[in-house]
Protein backbone atom coordinates (compact mmCIF):
# COMPACT_ATOMS: atom_id res chain seq x y z
CA MET A 1 4.13 6.60 -35.49
CA SER A 2 0.72 7.99 -34.13
CA PRO A 3 -2.15 8.61 -36.31
CA LYS A 4 -3.01 11.79 -37.76
CA LEU A 5 -5.89 13.93 -36.15
CA SER A 6 -8.01 13.63 -39.51
CA ASP A 7 -8.04 9.82 -38.98
CA LEU A 8 -9.27 9.21 -35.46
CA GLY A 9 -12.89 9.24 -36.29
CA LEU A 10 -13.71 12.14 -34.10
CA THR A 11 -17.13 13.73 -33.78
CA ASN A 12 -18.48 17.05 -32.78
CA GLU A 13 -19.12 15.23 -28.97
CA ARG A 14 -19.02 18.18 -26.50
CA VAL A 15 -16.00 17.65 -23.90
CA GLY A 16 -16.88 18.65 -20.54
CA GLU A 17 -18.97 21.56 -19.76
CA PRO A 18 -18.54 25.22 -20.71
CA ILE A 19 -16.27 27.04 -19.03
CA ASP A 20 -14.93 30.79 -18.96
CA TYR A 21 -11.07 30.66 -19.01
CA ASN A 22 -11.23 33.98 -16.93
CA THR A 23 -13.00 32.34 -14.19
CA ILE A 24 -10.79 29.01 -13.73
CA PRO A 25 -8.45 28.68 -10.96
CA ASP A 26 -4.68 29.27 -11.21
CA GLN A 27 -2.70 26.19 -11.54
CA MET A 28 -1.63 24.58 -8.06
CA GLY A 29 1.24 23.73 -7.64
CA SER A 30 9.95 6.08 -22.06
CA PHE A 31 12.59 8.79 -21.01
CA PRO A 32 15.64 8.15 -18.91
CA ASP A 33 15.88 9.48 -15.13
CA PRO A 34 13.87 12.64 -15.38
CA PRO A 35 15.29 15.78 -14.87
CA GLN A 36 15.44 17.50 -11.36
CA PRO A 37 12.73 19.86 -10.62
CA GLY A 38 12.81 23.30 -11.23
CA SER A 39 11.41 26.21 -14.00
CA PHE A 40 11.97 25.17 -17.42
CA ARG A 41 11.53 26.42 -20.94
CA PHE A 42 10.04 24.03 -23.54
CA GLU A 43 9.43 24.21 -27.35
CA LEU A 44 6.87 21.97 -28.86
CA PRO A 45 7.58 19.93 -31.80
CA LYS A 46 7.13 21.60 -35.45
CA ASP A 47 4.85 19.10 -36.63
CA LEU A 48 1.75 18.39 -34.12
CA SER A 49 0.02 15.99 -36.82
CA SER A 50 0.79 12.76 -35.61
CA ILE A 51 1.09 12.96 -31.80
CA TRP A 52 -2.65 12.41 -30.76
CA GLU A 53 -4.05 9.50 -28.93
CA VAL A 54 -7.68 9.12 -27.82
CA PHE A 55 -8.87 7.39 -24.94
CA GLN A 56 -12.30 7.01 -22.71
CA TYR A 57 -12.32 9.00 -19.75
CA ASP A 58 -15.05 8.66 -17.39
CA THR A 59 -14.40 10.10 -13.78
CA CYS A 60 -15.49 13.43 -14.58
CA LYS A 61 -19.10 14.83 -14.76
CA ASN A 62 -19.55 14.36 -18.79
CA PRO A 63 -17.86 11.15 -19.34
CA GLY A 64 -16.71 10.37 -22.89
CA LYS A 65 -13.58 10.48 -25.45
CA ARG A 66 -10.99 12.42 -24.79
CA LEU A 67 -7.53 13.48 -26.43
CA ARG A 68 -3.89 13.18 -25.39
CA ALA A 69 -0.76 14.77 -27.08
CA LYS A 70 1.81 12.31 -26.63
CA PHE A 71 5.06 13.87 -26.67
CA ASP A 72 7.28 10.66 -27.13
CA ASP A 73 10.59 9.69 -28.51
CA SER A 74 9.24 10.47 -32.25
CA PHE A 75 7.86 14.04 -31.50
CA PRO A 76 9.31 15.07 -27.97
CA LEU A 77 9.45 18.55 -26.38
CA THR A 78 12.81 20.19 -26.11
CA ILE A 79 14.08 21.72 -23.41
CA VAL A 80 15.34 24.91 -24.40
CA GLN A 81 16.03 26.30 -20.66
CA SER A 82 16.68 24.54 -17.72
CA PRO A 83 18.11 25.31 -14.22
CA LEU A 84 21.85 25.97 -14.49
CA LYS A 85 21.55 24.97 -18.02
CA ARG A 86 21.51 21.36 -17.39
CA TYR A 87 19.38 19.92 -19.63
CA ASP A 88 19.37 22.66 -22.45
CA GLY A 89 18.99 21.06 -25.60
CA LEU A 90 17.66 17.66 -24.41
CA PRO A 91 14.42 16.03 -25.48
CA PHE A 92 11.67 15.48 -22.73
CA THR A 93 8.86 13.34 -23.13
CA THR A 94 5.30 13.50 -21.60
CA GLY A 95 1.46 13.69 -22.17
CA ILE A 96 -0.92 16.48 -22.06
CA SER A 97 -4.46 15.79 -22.24
CA ASN A 98 -8.11 17.34 -22.08
CA ALA A 99 -9.12 15.11 -19.55
CA GLU A 100 -10.60 17.26 -16.71
CA ARG A 101 -10.52 17.17 -13.02
CA LYS A 102 -11.94 19.31 -10.29
CA ARG A 103 -9.31 22.25 -9.48
CA GLY A 104 -9.09 25.03 -6.57
CA LYS A 105 -9.80 24.17 -3.13
CA LYS A 106 -9.66 20.58 -2.39
CA ASP A 107 -12.95 20.45 -0.65
CA ALA A 108 -14.81 22.79 -2.61
CA THR A 109 -18.06 21.26 -4.05
CA ASP A 110 -17.98 23.66 -6.72
CA ALA A 111 -14.78 23.51 -8.07
CA PRO A 112 -14.59 23.61 -11.97
CA GLU A 113 -13.20 20.42 -13.83
CA VAL A 114 -10.13 21.90 -15.84
CA SER A 115 -7.31 19.84 -17.66
CA ASP A 116 -3.98 20.28 -18.16
CA MET A 117 -4.60 21.25 -21.83
CA ASP A 118 -6.73 24.11 -20.92
CA TYR A 119 -4.27 25.45 -18.70
CA ILE A 120 -1.35 25.47 -21.64
CA LEU A 121 -3.94 27.20 -24.12
CA ARG A 122 -4.95 29.76 -21.45
CA ASP A 123 -1.99 30.40 -19.41
CA ALA A 124 1.00 29.63 -22.35
CA PHE A 125 -0.77 30.66 -25.45
CA GLY A 126 -3.63 33.10 -24.71
CA LEU A 127 -6.64 31.14 -25.50
CA GLU A 128 -9.86 32.82 -23.93
CA THR A 129 -12.47 30.30 -25.01
CA LYS A 130 -12.61 26.89 -24.06
CA PRO A 131 -12.51 24.41 -27.02
CA ILE A 132 -15.78 22.42 -27.04
CA THR A 133 -14.49 19.45 -29.21
CA ASN A 134 -11.69 17.29 -29.04
CA VAL A 135 -11.05 18.00 -32.71
CA ALA A 136 -10.93 21.91 -31.54
CA TYR A 137 -8.55 21.32 -28.74
CA ALA A 138 -6.03 19.51 -31.16
CA GLN A 139 -6.47 22.62 -33.73
CA GLU A 140 -5.93 24.94 -31.20
CA LEU A 141 -2.67 23.17 -29.93
CA GLN A 142 -1.51 22.68 -33.56
CA LYS A 143 -1.57 26.58 -34.19
CA HIS A 144 1.46 26.67 -31.69
CA ALA A 145 3.69 24.12 -33.40
CA GLY A 146 7.05 25.10 -32.79
CA ALA A 147 6.16 27.68 -30.32
CA GLN A 148 7.96 27.96 -26.86
CA PHE A 149 6.38 27.96 -23.43
CA GLY A 150 7.12 27.70 -19.45
CA ALA A 151 6.38 25.43 -17.07
CA ASP A 152 7.65 24.19 -13.67
CA LEU A 153 8.81 20.43 -13.66
CA GLU A 154 7.96 18.52 -10.23
CA LEU A 155 8.29 15.03 -9.46
CA SER A 156 5.91 12.57 -8.04
CA TRP A 157 5.61 8.72 -6.98
CA LYS A 158 3.01 6.14 -7.23
CA CYS A 159 2.29 2.91 -5.80
CA ASN A 160 0.34 1.12 -8.53
CA GLU A 161 -2.21 -1.08 -7.31
CA ASN A 162 -2.73 -2.85 -10.63
CA ARG A 163 0.75 -4.45 -10.68
CA ASN A 164 2.93 -6.27 -8.51
CA ILE A 165 5.31 -4.45 -6.82
CA ARG A 166 9.42 -4.72 -7.34
CA VAL A 167 11.67 -4.53 -4.48
CA ASP A 168 15.32 -4.15 -3.76
CA ASN A 169 16.97 -7.31 -4.42
CA GLY A 170 20.44 -6.26 -2.76
CA ALA A 171 22.45 -6.45 -5.89
CA GLY A 172 21.22 -3.05 -7.23
CA ALA A 173 18.20 -4.19 -9.11
CA THR A 174 14.64 -5.21 -8.16
CA THR A 175 13.10 -8.17 -8.13
CA GLU A 176 9.04 -8.47 -8.62
CA VAL A 177 7.27 -9.82 -6.07
CA PRO A 178 4.30 -12.24 -7.25
CA ASN A 179 0.84 -11.69 -6.02
CA GLN A 180 1.34 -8.64 -4.14
CA LYS A 181 0.14 -5.70 -5.68
CA GLY A 182 1.00 -2.22 -5.05
CA CYS A 183 -0.53 -0.35 -2.09
CA ASN A 184 -1.77 2.76 -4.07
CA THR A 185 0.19 5.40 -2.12
CA ALA A 186 1.28 8.53 -3.56
CA TYR A 187 4.19 10.81 -2.91
CA TYR A 188 4.64 14.28 -4.05
CA GLN A 189 7.89 16.50 -4.03
CA LYS A 190 7.05 18.23 -1.10
CA ASP A 191 7.09 14.78 0.97
CA VAL A 192 10.18 13.33 -0.10
CA PRO A 193 13.69 14.81 1.41
CA LYS A 194 16.47 15.50 -0.65
CA VAL A 195 19.84 13.16 -0.74
CA LEU A 196 23.16 13.68 -1.62
CA SER A 197 23.81 13.06 -5.10
CA ASN A 198 26.97 10.89 -4.15
CA PRO A 199 26.50 9.57 -0.89
CA GLU A 200 29.97 8.87 -0.74
CA ASP A 201 30.96 12.43 -0.47
CA PRO A 202 28.86 14.83 1.96
CA ALA A 203 29.89 18.07 0.07
CA SER A 204 27.97 16.62 -3.37
CA GLU A 205 24.89 18.23 -4.58
CA GLN A 206 21.42 18.00 -2.87
CA ILE A 207 18.93 16.33 -5.26
CA PHE A 208 15.80 14.70 -5.14
CA PRO A 209 15.81 10.66 -5.27
CA ILE A 210 14.71 9.24 -8.29
CA ARG A 211 14.06 5.90 -6.72
CA ILE A 212 12.30 5.60 -3.43
CA THR A 213 10.81 2.97 -1.19
CA CYS A 214 6.97 2.88 -0.52
CA GLN A 215 5.57 2.15 2.79
CA CYS A 216 4.68 -1.31 1.49
CA GLY A 217 8.47 -1.99 0.57
CA ALA A 218 7.83 -1.24 -2.98
CA GLN A 219 10.73 0.33 -5.01
CA LEU A 220 8.90 3.35 -6.86
CA ARG A 221 10.58 5.66 -9.68
CA ALA A 222 9.82 9.36 -9.96
CA PHE A 223 7.68 10.38 -12.71
CA ALA A 224 7.86 13.77 -14.18
CA ASN A 225 4.85 16.57 -13.92
CA LEU A 226 4.65 19.75 -15.93
CA THR A 227 2.46 22.44 -14.17
CA ARG A 228 2.33 26.30 -13.81
CA TYR A 229 2.41 26.61 -17.60
CA ARG A 230 3.08 30.13 -18.61
CA ARG A 231 4.43 32.31 -21.69
């Protein structure tokens, strides 16, 4: 079980730069196989006291400690509404952090740095002012324990440059290739064509594949991302 917020040793260290939530740009675009993409509605756990993880984050204007809400097997989100009601009632594991990154136009030098936690607090729960400390972020989210919110689920695939690749061994499984790291290529949902859910039935449903082959030969598994949070 994760430690409680009060046990993390957090101080009043400022998190990122002051931002008016009214000025930030709109969002752009271990679990079994992730759900197929679509519009979902989720419910937060009723207890958010022990979901927190602190980590060091340096790829931003103001490096320092950041906070991640870990919705793991012990405290998952619950899917309350899904396309065709296919996943209704199932748990969904993910993480939402206050680690900020540039948003808006891709090459804009003045693009603000905004986190996923900023978006869920603003767009799903109506917060108007950005929290300035990690503790404040956690306290704001904890106010909404048991609440529901909407979000779109999208898939992505990433070839990990820090791990040896795994390739198809021809027997329905994968085999690790010694001393061959991943190539760091990322694939997004828009880049990956759908496939038949049953390759032997031409009339079967078209779905996004959970596993794809990278340009370097590695077998990649889809990761589910939440975006476009809303009430």
